[in-house]
C-alpha atoms as a PDB file:
ATOM      1  CA  MET A   1      18.234   0.922 -10.881  1.00  0.00           C
ATOM      2  CA  ALA A   2      15.734   2.603 -12.851  1.00  0.00           C
ATOM      3  CA  ARG A   3      12.122   2.203 -11.477  1.00  0.00           C
ATOM      4  CA  THR A   4       8.765   3.479 -12.888  1.00  0.00           C
ATOM      5  CA  LEU A   5       6.222   5.730 -11.175  1.00  0.00           C
ATOM      6  CA  HIS A   6       2.673   5.692 -12.469  1.00  0.00           C
ATOM      7  CA  LEU A   7       0.797   8.941 -11.536  1.00  0.00           C
ATOM      8  CA  ILE A   8      -2.802   8.192 -11.874  1.00  0.00           C
ATOM      9  CA  LYS A   9      -5.639  10.784 -11.510  1.00  0.00           C
ATOM     10  CA  HIS A  10      -8.699   9.454  -9.407  1.00  0.00           C
ATOM     11  CA  GLY A  11     -11.761   8.542 -10.946  1.00  0.00           C
ATOM     12  CA  CYS A  12     -14.723  11.250 -11.506  1.00  0.00           C
ATOM     13  CA  PRO A  13     -15.946  12.503  -8.249  1.00  0.00           C
ATOM     14  CA  HIS A  14     -19.494  13.290  -7.060  1.00  0.00           C
ATOM     15  CA  ILE A  15     -19.433  17.068  -7.032  1.00  0.00           C
ATOM     16  CA  VAL A  16     -21.240  18.398  -3.892  1.00  0.00           C
ATOM     17  CA  PRO A  17     -21.458  22.291  -3.951  1.00  0.00           C
ATOM     18  CA  GLY A  18     -20.650  23.625  -0.403  1.00  0.00           C
ATOM     19  CA  THR A  19     -18.511  20.581   0.439  1.00  0.00           C
ATOM     20  CA  PRO A  20     -14.888  20.875  -0.007  1.00  0.00           C
ATOM     21  CA  ALA A  21     -13.487  18.726  -2.951  1.00  0.00           C
ATOM     22  CA  HIS A  22     -11.180  16.891  -0.462  1.00  0.00           C
ATOM     23  CA  ASP A  23     -14.386  15.338   0.770  1.00  0.00           C
ATOM     24  CA  TRP A  24     -16.066  14.200  -2.424  1.00  0.00           C
ATOM     25  CA  ALA A  25     -16.578  10.404  -2.990  1.00  0.00           C
ATOM     26  CA  LEU A  26     -16.622   8.893  -6.538  1.00  0.00           C
ATOM     27  CA  ALA A  27     -19.368   9.497  -8.884  1.00  0.00           C
ATOM     28  CA  GLN A  28     -21.651   6.383  -9.947  1.00  0.00           C
ATOM     29  CA  ASN A  29     -19.839   4.527 -12.569  1.00  0.00           C
ATOM     30  CA  ALA A  30     -16.558   6.530 -12.102  1.00  0.00           C
ATOM     31  CA  LEU A  31     -14.537   3.496 -12.469  1.00  0.00           C
ATOM     32  CA  GLU A  32     -15.877   1.904 -15.654  1.00  0.00           C
ATOM     33  CA  GLY A  33     -12.562   2.679 -17.606  1.00  0.00           C
ATOM     34  CA  LEU A  34     -10.212   1.040 -14.659  1.00  0.00           C
ATOM     35  CA  HIS A  35      -9.661  -2.167 -16.438  1.00  0.00           C
ATOM     36  CA  VAL A  36      -8.314  -0.271 -19.531  1.00  0.00           C
ATOM     37  CA  LEU A  37      -6.035   1.793 -17.315  1.00  0.00           C
ATOM     38  CA  ALA A  38      -4.819  -1.277 -15.521  1.00  0.00           C
ATOM     39  CA  ASP A  39      -3.911  -2.883 -18.939  1.00  0.00           C
ATOM     40  CA  ARG A  40      -2.064   0.331 -19.999  1.00  0.00           C
ATOM     41  CA  LEU A  41       0.413   0.385 -16.963  1.00  0.00           C
ATOM     42  CA  PHE A  42       3.578  -0.804 -18.149  1.00  0.00           C
ATOM     43  CA  PRO A  43       5.478  -2.157 -16.349  1.00  0.00           C
ATOM     44  CA  PRO A  44       2.623  -3.335 -14.150  1.00  0.00           C
ATOM     45  CA  PRO A  45       2.931  -1.822 -10.541  1.00  0.00           C
ATOM     46  CA  GLY A  46       3.645  -4.068  -7.701  1.00  0.00           C
ATOM     47  CA  LEU A  47       1.966  -1.634  -5.180  1.00  0.00           C
ATOM     48  CA  VAL A  48      -0.793   0.901  -5.471  1.00  0.00           C
ATOM     49  CA  VAL A  49      -0.554   3.936  -3.064  1.00  0.00           C
ATOM     50  CA  SER A  50      -3.210   6.676  -2.738  1.00  0.00           C
ATOM     51  CA  SER A  51      -3.877   9.966  -0.998  1.00  0.00           C
ATOM     52  CA  GLU A  52      -6.213  10.100   1.998  1.00  0.00           C
ATOM     53  CA  GLU A  53      -9.007  11.502  -0.040  1.00  0.00           C
ATOM     54  CA  PRO A  54     -12.109   9.392  -0.439  1.00  0.00           C
ATOM     55  CA  LYS A  55     -12.031   9.548  -4.207  1.00  0.00           C
ATOM     56  CA  ALA A  56      -8.401   8.558  -4.422  1.00  0.00           C
ATOM     57  CA  ILE A  57      -8.759   5.676  -1.965  1.00  0.00           C
ATOM     58  CA  ALA A  58     -11.742   4.177  -3.754  1.00  0.00           C
ATOM     59  CA  THR A  59      -9.981   4.321  -7.098  1.00  0.00           C
ATOM     60  CA  ALA A  60      -6.822   2.691  -5.648  1.00  0.00           C
ATOM     61  CA  GLU A  61      -8.708  -0.004  -3.789  1.00  0.00           C
ATOM     62  CA  ALA A  62     -10.329  -0.957  -6.923  1.00  0.00           C
ATOM     63  CA  LEU A  63      -7.161  -0.927  -9.009  1.00  0.00           C
ATOM     64  CA  ALA A  64      -5.351  -2.837  -6.411  1.00  0.00           C
ATOM     65  CA  ARG A  65      -7.900  -5.559  -6.582  1.00  0.00           C
ATOM     66  CA  ILE A  66      -7.729  -5.619 -10.420  1.00  0.00           C
ATOM     67  CA  LEU A  67      -3.943  -5.885 -10.565  1.00  0.00           C
ATOM     68  CA  ASN A  68      -3.951  -8.129  -7.472  1.00  0.00           C
ATOM     69  CA  VAL A  69      -1.442  -6.245  -5.384  1.00  0.00           C
ATOM     70  CA  PRO A  70      -0.958  -4.619  -2.178  1.00  0.00           C
ATOM     71  CA  ARG A  71      -2.511  -0.949  -1.400  1.00  0.00           C
ATOM     72  CA  ARG A  72      -1.515   1.643   0.867  1.00  0.00           C
ATOM     73  CA  ARG A  73      -2.487   5.209   1.912  1.00  0.00           C
ATOM     74  CA  MET A  74       0.100   7.887   2.156  1.00  0.00           C
ATOM     75  CA  LEU A  75      -0.100  11.416   3.832  1.00  0.00           C
ATOM     76  CA  GLY A  76       0.823  14.246   1.658  1.00  0.00           C
ATOM     77  CA  LEU A  77      -0.337  13.032  -1.533  1.00  0.00           C
ATOM     78  CA  HIS A  78      -3.632  15.049  -1.348  1.00  0.00           C
ATOM     79  CA  GLU A  79      -4.734  17.659  -3.945  1.00  0.00           C
ATOM     80  CA  HIS A  80      -3.715  21.279  -3.737  1.00  0.00           C
ATOM     81  CA  LEU A  81      -5.255  22.455  -0.466  1.00  0.00           C
ATOM     82  CA  ARG A  82      -8.352  24.674  -1.155  1.00  0.00           C
ATOM     83  CA  TYR A  83     -10.871  24.073   1.634  1.00  0.00           C
ATOM     84  CA  THR A  84     -11.815  27.710   1.606  1.00  0.00           C
ATOM     85  CA  THR A  85     -12.367  27.893  -2.321  1.00  0.00           C
ATOM     86  CA  ALA A  86     -15.928  28.079  -3.134  1.00  0.00           C
ATOM     87  CA  PHE A  87     -17.347  25.914  -5.751  1.00  0.00           C
ATOM     88  CA  VAL A  88     -17.483  28.104  -8.989  1.00  0.00           C
ATOM     89  CA  SER A  89     -18.361  27.679 -12.659  1.00  0.00           C
ATOM     90  CA  PRO A  90     -15.778  25.365 -14.566  1.00  0.00           C
ATOM     91  CA  GLU A  91     -14.817  28.499 -16.717  1.00  0.00           C
ATOM     92  CA  VAL A  92     -13.778  30.301 -13.488  1.00  0.00           C
ATOM     93  CA  PHE A  93     -12.092  27.302 -11.899  1.00  0.00           C
ATOM     94  CA  GLN A  94     -10.038  26.749 -15.037  1.00  0.00           C
ATOM     95  CA  ALA A  95      -8.945  30.398 -14.973  1.00  0.00           C
ATOM     96  CA  GLN A  96      -7.984  30.032 -11.467  1.00  0.00           C
ATOM     97  CA  VAL A  97      -6.126  26.997 -12.004  1.00  0.00           C
ATOM     98  CA  GLN A  98      -4.237  28.654 -14.983  1.00  0.00           C
ATOM     99  CA  ARG A  99      -3.243  31.507 -12.811  1.00  0.00           C
ATOM    100  CA  PHE A 100      -2.063  28.913 -10.011  1.00  0.00           C
ATOM    101  CA  PHE A 101       0.390  27.322 -12.557  1.00  0.00           C
ATOM    102  CA  LEU A 102       1.523  30.744 -14.001  1.00  0.00           C
ATOM    103  CA  GLU A 103       2.284  32.218 -10.505  1.00  0.00           C
ATOM    104  CA  PRO A 104       3.392  29.324  -8.510  1.00  0.00           C
ATOM    105  CA  ASP A 105       4.682  31.279  -5.532  1.00  0.00           C
ATOM    106  CA  VAL A 106       1.364  33.470  -5.133  1.00  0.00           C
ATOM    107  CA  LEU A 107      -1.431  32.188  -3.179  1.00  0.00           C
ATOM    108  CA  VAL A 108      -3.814  32.168  -5.901  1.00  0.00           C
ATOM    109  CA  MET A 109      -6.829  29.985  -4.265  1.00  0.00           C
ATOM    110  CA  GLY A 110      -7.071  28.058  -1.278  1.00  0.00           C
ATOM    111  CA  GLU A 111      -4.434  27.551   1.432  1.00  0.00           C
ATOM    112  CA  GLU A 112      -1.271  26.628  -0.695  1.00  0.00           C
ATOM    113  CA  SER A 113       0.584  28.114  -3.497  1.00  0.00           C
ATOM    114  CA  ALA A 114       1.571  25.886  -6.341  1.00  0.00           C
ATOM    115  CA  THR A 115       5.186  25.891  -5.000  1.00  0.00           C
ATOM    116  CA  ASP A 116       4.078  24.797  -1.520  1.00  0.00           C
ATOM    117  CA  ALA A 117       1.810  21.971  -2.946  1.00  0.00           C
ATOM    118  CA  ARG A 118       4.638  20.839  -5.388  1.00  0.00           C
ATOM    119  CA  THR A 119       7.085  20.542  -2.397  1.00  0.00           C
ATOM    120  CA  ARG A 120       4.683  18.716  -0.211  1.00  0.00           C
ATOM    121  CA  PHE A 121       3.477  16.254  -2.885  1.00  0.00           C
ATOM    122  CA  ARG A 122       7.301  15.652  -4.083  1.00  0.00           C
ATOM    123  CA  ASN A 123       8.359  14.992  -0.561  1.00  0.00           C
ATOM    124  CA  ALA A 124       5.566  12.431  -0.285  1.00  0.00           C
ATOM    125  CA  ILE A 125       6.251  10.773  -3.546  1.00  0.00           C
ATOM    126  CA  HIS A 126       9.959  10.371  -2.474  1.00  0.00           C
ATOM    127  CA  ALA A 127       8.825   8.674   0.618  1.00  0.00           C
ATOM    128  CA  VAL A 128       6.853   6.405  -1.249  1.00  0.00           C
ATOM    129  CA  MET A 129       9.522   5.389  -3.589  1.00  0.00           C
ATOM    130  CA  GLN A 130      12.227   5.085  -1.020  1.00  0.00           C
ATOM    131  CA  GLY A 131       9.972   3.002   1.337  1.00  0.00           C
ATOM    132  CA  ASN A 132       9.321  -0.009  -0.703  1.00  0.00           C
ATOM    133  CA  PRO A 133      11.113  -2.758  -2.708  1.00  0.00           C
ATOM    134  CA  TYR A 134       8.886  -2.547  -5.680  1.00  0.00           C
ATOM    135  CA  GLY A 135      10.213  -1.644  -9.113  1.00  0.00           C
ATOM    136  CA  CYS A 136       7.106  -0.263 -10.295  1.00  0.00           C
ATOM    137  CA  VAL A 137       4.622   1.800  -8.190  1.00  0.00           C
ATOM    138  CA  ALA A 138       1.249   3.389  -9.100  1.00  0.00           C
ATOM    139  CA  VAL A 139       0.079   6.549  -7.284  1.00  0.00           C
ATOM    140  CA  VAL A 140      -3.465   7.491  -7.286  1.00  0.00           C
ATOM    141  CA  ALA A 141      -3.561  11.239  -6.749  1.00  0.00           C
ATOM    142  CA  HIS A 142      -4.965  14.495  -8.058  1.00  0.00           C
ATOM    143  CA  GLY A 143      -4.616  16.515 -11.170  1.00  0.00           C
ATOM    144  CA  THR A 144      -2.979  19.833 -10.062  1.00  0.00           C
ATOM    145  CA  VAL A 145      -0.343  18.033  -7.903  1.00  0.00           C
ATOM    146  CA  ILE A 146       0.302  15.399 -10.592  1.00  0.00           C
ATOM    147  CA  SER A 147       0.769  18.132 -13.161  1.00  0.00           C
ATOM    148  CA  LEU A 148       3.097  20.206 -10.939  1.00  0.00           C
ATOM    149  CA  LEU A 149       5.372  17.104 -10.234  1.00  0.00           C
ATOM    150  CA  ALA A 150       5.332  16.210 -13.915  1.00  0.00           C
ATOM    151  CA  GLU A 151       6.506  19.878 -14.668  1.00  0.00           C
ATOM    152  CA  GLU A 152       9.476  19.781 -12.376  1.00  0.00           C
ATOM    153  CA  MET A 153      10.428  16.227 -13.179  1.00  0.00           C
ATOM    154  CA  GLY A 154       9.539  15.959 -16.787  1.00  0.00           C
ATOM    155  CA  GLY A 155       9.687  19.585 -18.142  1.00  0.00           C
ATOM    156  CA  THR A 156       5.965  19.352 -18.932  1.00  0.00           C
ATOM    157  CA  ASP A 157       3.662  22.324 -19.290  1.00  0.00           C
ATOM    158  CA  PRO A 158       1.529  22.028 -16.157  1.00  0.00           C
ATOM    159  CA  THR A 159      -1.541  23.818 -17.365  1.00  0.00           C
ATOM    160  CA  ALA A 160      -1.533  21.557 -20.766  1.00  0.00           C
ATOM    161  CA  LEU A 161      -1.068  18.403 -18.701  1.00  0.00           C
ATOM    162  CA  TRP A 162      -3.645  19.459 -16.200  1.00  0.00           C
ATOM    163  CA  ARG A 163      -6.286  19.997 -19.091  1.00  0.00           C
ATOM    164  CA  SER A 164      -5.460  16.968 -20.918  1.00  0.00           C
ATOM    165  CA  LEU A 165      -5.338  14.461 -17.813  1.00  0.00           C
ATOM    166  CA  ASP A 166      -8.699  12.937 -17.573  1.00  0.00           C
ATOM    167  CA  PHE A 167     -10.038  11.070 -14.719  1.00  0.00           C
ATOM    168  CA  LEU A 168      -8.443   7.726 -14.625  1.00  0.00           C
ATOM    169  CA  GLY A 169      -5.566   9.227 -16.687  1.00  0.00           C
ATOM    170  CA  HIS A 170      -1.978   8.676 -16.159  1.00  0.00           C
ATOM    171  CA  VAL A 171       1.551   9.855 -16.604  1.00  0.00           C
ATOM    172  CA  SER A 172       4.597   7.520 -16.314  1.00  0.00           C
ATOM    173  CA  LEU A 173       7.868   8.773 -14.952  1.00  0.00           C
ATOM    174  CA  ALA A 174      11.470   6.880 -14.704  1.00  0.00           C
ATOM    175  CA  TRP A 175      12.526   6.983 -11.211  1.00  0.00           C
ATOM    176  CA  PRO A 176      15.014   8.150 -10.071  1.00  0.00           C
ATOM    177  CA  GLU A 177      15.980   9.589 -13.475  1.00  0.00           C
ATOM    178  CA  VAL A 178      12.452  11.358 -13.398  1.00  0.00           C
ATOM    179  CA  ALA A 179      11.901  11.582 -17.203  1.00  0.00           C
ATOM    180  CA  LEU A 180       8.585  11.439 -18.607  1.00  0.00           C
ATOM    181  CA  ARG A 181       8.151   7.973 -20.076  1.00  0.00           C
ATOM    182  CA  GLU A 182       4.988   8.605 -22.100  1.00  0.00           C
ATOM    183  CA  PRO A 183       2.536  11.326 -22.820  1.00  0.00           C
ATOM    184  CA  PRO A 184      -0.732  11.257 -21.000  1.00  0.00           C
ATOM    185  CA  ALA A 185      -3.353   9.386 -22.867  1.00  0.00           C
END
């Protein structure tokens, strides 16, 4: 039976230089477009799952309330590990991420290569999809790992998707066929 997986990028974080991005909370008004996102998720999810990062948890909690569905956290859905990557200018960060996607087996920044991050995220997504009865699941996660999985499962250019995937943006995949259902909006 075909199912749907909605991969959703968390709301805009409150950036705190000197603090790892994994620890950032949401910025003020970060969820203003959440009702629009909820209306665009088709089919509507019966479950919302998030990574353990504060910005993803807060986004998932609010989305689950709007949809009136259960919410869970799942290990392994976190962003590419980059605790040791210092906060840099947006231009330098974008160049680092582009190289991250172009050289997936090289440790470009942080503590995981793109290949390692994709494998970890894919395994967590498989666990989410196998471990519940819902025909449609929404996963609130993070831009680089969403882009890596979409590349593997739907043939999408990860750099282009990463650049176009706004906060509260999403991609939907058919599961287990894993074909991209719609372009990110």
